[in-house]
Amino acid sequence: MPIYRLTYFDAMGRAEPSRLLFALAEVEFEDKRIAARDWPQVKSTVPWGQLPLLEVDDRSLSHCRAIERFLAKRFGFSGKDEWEEAKVDELVMGVEELLGKMQPWLDESNTTAKINLLKKLVEEVIHPFLVLYEDFLDKNGSGFLVGSQITLADLVVYHVVSFLDQKIIPRQVTAKFPKLCTFTRKIQAMPRIKTWLEARPKTEV
């Protein structure tokens, strides 16, 4: 049985979809969390100088999307065939594009500028993203984003939509997307996911 260690900050962030994969697969792993104050000393010891980092026995893997893809493939959540795998990648990369467009807002320290940036972000980036993924759910018709079973795409989209709904935008924005709302409730009610959500450390992000 492989020994897994996932190292990240004490946050959900870019490690949470991988943690959800472990929970869904019922695979034990060490959830190693680095305090922000310790990061300067740790940074030089990890490949690429960034987290998350997955260690499987004596091997390591960096970059969250590479880690997620590896775990999804290993645990059976990458799609049932090549086409589904490609669609999963497509939807995950759509989330990555969203996060990239949000970065200037995340980096902004001026309160007034941040408020103005968020208004523009909701109108020009987040709302179109929600429209698109609502449509993906509608067209797929199974309650999942790809195929008829849960995949990595569902976990990544669940994580980002929950984050947007709870931390970034007014809930009346996401309320306009009933299929996405039903989808997030469905994912978080799955027994293994529910157990993880209730047990995980409580963090702001």
Protein backbone atom coordinates (compact mmCIF):
# COMPACT_ATOMS: atom_id res chain seq x y z
CA MET A 1 0.00 0.00 0.00
CA PRO A 2 1.57 3.33 -1.04
CA ILE A 3 2.23 5.96 1.60
CA TYR A 4 0.85 9.36 0.61
CA ARG A 5 1.77 12.74 2.04
CA LEU A 6 0.19 15.95 0.75
CA THR A 7 1.93 19.13 1.87
CA TYR A 8 0.29 22.54 1.63
CA PHE A 9 -0.45 25.58 3.74
CA ASP A 10 -3.08 25.54 6.48
CA ALA A 11 -5.77 26.40 3.95
CA MET A 12 -8.06 24.81 1.39
CA GLY A 13 -6.68 26.68 -1.62
CA ARG A 14 -5.02 24.65 -4.34
CA ALA A 15 -4.76 21.47 -2.28
CA GLU A 16 -8.42 20.96 -1.47
CA PRO A 17 -9.50 19.11 -4.64
CA SER A 18 -6.70 16.60 -3.98
CA ARG A 19 -7.86 16.20 -0.38
CA LEU A 20 -11.39 15.63 -1.69
CA LEU A 21 -10.06 12.92 -4.02
CA PHE A 22 -8.45 11.12 -1.08
CA ALA A 23 -11.70 11.40 0.87
CA LEU A 24 -13.82 10.15 -2.01
CA ALA A 25 -11.48 7.20 -2.62
CA GLU A 26 -11.25 6.44 1.12
CA VAL A 27 -7.46 6.42 0.86
CA GLU A 28 -5.44 7.44 3.90
CA PHE A 29 -2.89 10.23 3.51
CA GLU A 30 -0.85 12.55 5.68
CA ASP A 31 -2.36 16.01 5.44
CA LYS A 32 0.76 18.02 6.22
CA ARG A 33 0.08 21.73 6.73
CA ILE A 34 2.79 24.39 6.74
CA ALA A 35 2.32 27.51 8.85
CA ALA A 36 2.83 30.75 6.91
CA ARG A 37 5.65 31.77 9.25
CA ASP A 38 7.58 28.59 8.36
CA TRP A 39 7.23 28.93 4.60
CA PRO A 40 10.46 30.93 3.98
CA GLN A 41 12.49 28.07 5.47
CA VAL A 42 10.48 25.35 3.72
CA LYS A 43 10.40 26.99 0.27
CA SER A 44 13.99 26.15 -0.66
CA THR A 45 13.47 22.48 0.25
CA VAL A 46 10.62 21.71 -2.18
CA PRO A 47 10.76 21.30 -5.98
CA TRP A 48 9.69 24.42 -7.90
CA GLY A 49 9.66 26.32 -4.60
CA GLN A 50 5.90 26.02 -4.29
CA LEU A 51 3.07 23.99 -2.81
CA PRO A 52 1.13 21.72 -2.92
CA LEU A 53 3.57 18.82 -2.98
CA LEU A 54 2.49 15.19 -3.18
CA GLU A 55 4.86 12.49 -1.98
CA VAL A 56 4.12 8.87 -2.84
CA ASP A 57 6.60 6.68 -1.01
CA ASP A 58 9.97 8.06 -2.17
CA ARG A 59 8.71 10.04 -5.18
CA SER A 60 7.32 13.56 -5.33
CA LEU A 61 5.01 15.52 -7.62
CA SER A 62 4.37 19.26 -7.76
CA HIS A 63 1.73 21.55 -9.32
CA CYS A 64 -1.84 21.07 -8.16
CA ARG A 65 -3.31 20.10 -11.53
CA ALA A 66 -0.65 17.43 -12.11
CA ILE A 67 -1.28 16.06 -8.62
CA GLU A 68 -5.05 16.03 -9.14
CA ARG A 69 -4.77 14.30 -12.50
CA PHE A 70 -2.47 11.64 -11.06
CA LEU A 71 -4.75 10.93 -8.10
CA ALA A 72 -7.92 10.99 -10.22
CA LYS A 73 -6.39 8.48 -12.64
CA ARG A 74 -5.16 6.25 -9.84
CA PHE A 75 -8.44 6.34 -7.89
CA GLY A 76 -10.77 6.04 -10.90
CA PHE A 77 -12.16 9.57 -11.13
CA SER A 78 -10.58 10.73 -14.38
CA GLY A 79 -13.38 9.65 -16.74
CA LYS A 80 -14.31 6.27 -18.20
CA ASP A 81 -12.62 6.75 -21.59
CA GLU A 82 -10.29 9.08 -23.49
CA TRP A 83 -13.09 11.48 -24.42
CA GLU A 84 -14.33 11.83 -20.87
CA GLU A 85 -10.75 12.31 -19.66
CA ALA A 86 -10.32 15.13 -22.18
CA LYS A 87 -13.61 16.75 -21.11
CA VAL A 88 -12.52 16.57 -17.47
CA ASP A 89 -9.28 18.32 -18.43
CA GLU A 90 -11.24 20.95 -20.37
CA LEU A 91 -13.45 21.83 -17.42
CA VAL A 92 -10.56 21.86 -14.95
CA MET A 93 -8.60 24.18 -17.24
CA GLY A 94 -11.64 26.44 -17.39
CA VAL A 95 -11.38 26.80 -13.62
CA GLU A 96 -7.66 27.49 -13.94
CA GLU A 97 -8.42 30.31 -16.39
CA LEU A 98 -10.95 31.75 -13.95
CA LEU A 99 -8.42 31.73 -11.11
CA GLY A 100 -5.83 33.39 -13.33
CA LYS A 101 -8.24 36.22 -14.13
CA MET A 102 -9.00 36.62 -10.43
CA GLN A 103 -5.35 37.00 -9.45
CA PRO A 104 -5.14 40.82 -9.84
CA TRP A 105 -8.08 41.14 -7.44
CA LEU A 106 -6.51 38.71 -4.98
CA ASP A 107 -3.24 40.66 -5.09
CA GLU A 108 -4.82 44.11 -4.71
CA SER A 109 -4.25 45.63 -1.25
CA ASN A 110 -6.10 48.94 -1.68
CA THR A 111 -9.64 48.51 -0.34
CA THR A 112 -11.35 50.88 -2.78
CA ALA A 113 -9.53 49.44 -5.77
CA LYS A 114 -10.34 45.93 -4.60
CA ILE A 115 -14.06 46.72 -4.40
CA ASN A 116 -14.03 48.19 -7.91
CA LEU A 117 -12.06 45.25 -9.26
CA LEU A 118 -14.50 42.79 -7.73
CA LYS A 119 -17.49 44.50 -9.34
CA LYS A 120 -15.81 44.25 -12.74
CA LEU A 121 -14.69 40.70 -12.04
CA VAL A 122 -18.22 39.53 -11.19
CA GLU A 123 -19.69 41.12 -14.32
CA GLU A 124 -17.00 40.20 -16.83
CA VAL A 125 -15.49 36.96 -15.51
CA ILE A 126 -17.39 35.20 -12.73
CA HIS A 127 -20.91 35.58 -14.12
CA PRO A 128 -19.94 34.25 -17.59
CA PHE A 129 -18.11 31.38 -15.89
CA LEU A 130 -21.24 30.43 -13.92
CA VAL A 131 -23.39 30.69 -17.06
CA LEU A 132 -21.02 28.36 -18.91
CA TYR A 133 -20.85 25.72 -16.19
CA GLU A 134 -24.60 25.84 -15.59
CA ASP A 135 -24.92 25.03 -19.30
CA PHE A 136 -22.41 22.17 -19.06
CA LEU A 137 -24.48 20.63 -16.26
CA ASP A 138 -27.71 21.11 -18.20
CA LYS A 139 -26.37 19.52 -21.39
CA ASN A 140 -24.72 16.57 -19.65
CA GLY A 141 -27.98 15.79 -17.87
CA SER A 142 -26.67 13.36 -15.26
CA GLY A 143 -26.19 15.77 -12.38
CA PHE A 144 -22.44 15.53 -12.95
CA LEU A 145 -20.32 17.59 -15.33
CA VAL A 146 -18.86 14.70 -17.34
CA GLY A 147 -20.43 11.30 -17.95
CA SER A 148 -22.70 9.64 -15.42
CA GLN A 149 -20.34 9.37 -12.45
CA ILE A 150 -18.38 11.81 -10.31
CA THR A 151 -15.00 12.89 -11.70
CA LEU A 152 -12.19 15.25 -10.86
CA ALA A 153 -14.03 17.98 -12.79
CA ASP A 154 -16.91 17.83 -10.32
CA LEU A 155 -14.61 18.19 -7.33
CA VAL A 156 -12.65 21.10 -8.80
CA VAL A 157 -15.78 22.97 -9.87
CA TYR A 158 -17.52 22.22 -6.56
CA HIS A 159 -14.55 23.65 -4.68
CA VAL A 160 -14.33 26.87 -6.69
CA VAL A 161 -18.10 27.51 -6.78
CA SER A 162 -18.33 26.94 -3.02
CA PHE A 163 -15.43 29.32 -2.48
CA LEU A 164 -17.04 31.98 -4.68
CA ASP A 165 -20.39 31.54 -2.96
CA GLN A 166 -19.06 31.65 0.59
CA LYS A 167 -16.15 34.09 0.35
CA ILE A 168 -16.25 36.25 -2.79
CA ILE A 169 -19.65 37.12 -4.22
CA PRO A 170 -23.14 37.74 -2.82
CA ARG A 171 -25.12 34.52 -2.59
CA GLN A 172 -27.88 36.00 -4.71
CA VAL A 173 -25.44 35.79 -7.64
CA THR A 174 -25.02 32.02 -7.44
CA ALA A 175 -28.72 31.63 -6.58
CA LYS A 176 -29.45 32.56 -10.20
CA PHE A 177 -27.91 29.24 -11.25
CA PRO A 178 -30.18 26.50 -9.88
CA LYS A 179 -28.35 23.59 -11.47
CA LEU A 180 -25.03 24.69 -9.98
CA CYS A 181 -26.69 25.17 -6.59
CA THR A 182 -28.21 21.68 -6.75
CA PHE A 183 -24.86 20.32 -7.93
CA THR A 184 -22.89 21.77 -5.01
CA ARG A 185 -25.44 20.46 -2.51
CA LYS A 186 -25.25 17.03 -4.14
CA ILE A 187 -21.46 16.86 -3.95
CA GLN A 188 -21.20 18.00 -0.35
CA ALA A 189 -23.93 15.56 0.71
CA MET A 190 -22.05 12.52 -0.62
CA PRO A 191 -21.20 10.52 2.52
CA ARG A 192 -17.41 10.42 2.10
CA ILE A 193 -17.24 14.07 1.08
CA LYS A 194 -19.56 15.06 3.93
CA THR A 195 -17.36 13.25 6.44
CA TRP A 196 -14.27 15.09 5.17
CA LEU A 197 -15.98 18.49 5.16
CA GLU A 198 -17.09 18.03 8.75
CA ALA A 199 -13.69 16.80 9.97
CA ARG A 200 -11.26 19.03 8.07
CA PRO A 201 -9.56 21.96 9.83
CA LYS A 202 -11.60 25.15 9.64
CA THR A 203 -9.78 27.82 7.62
CA GLU A 204 -10.69 31.11 5.96
CA VAL A 205 -9.58 30.09 2.46
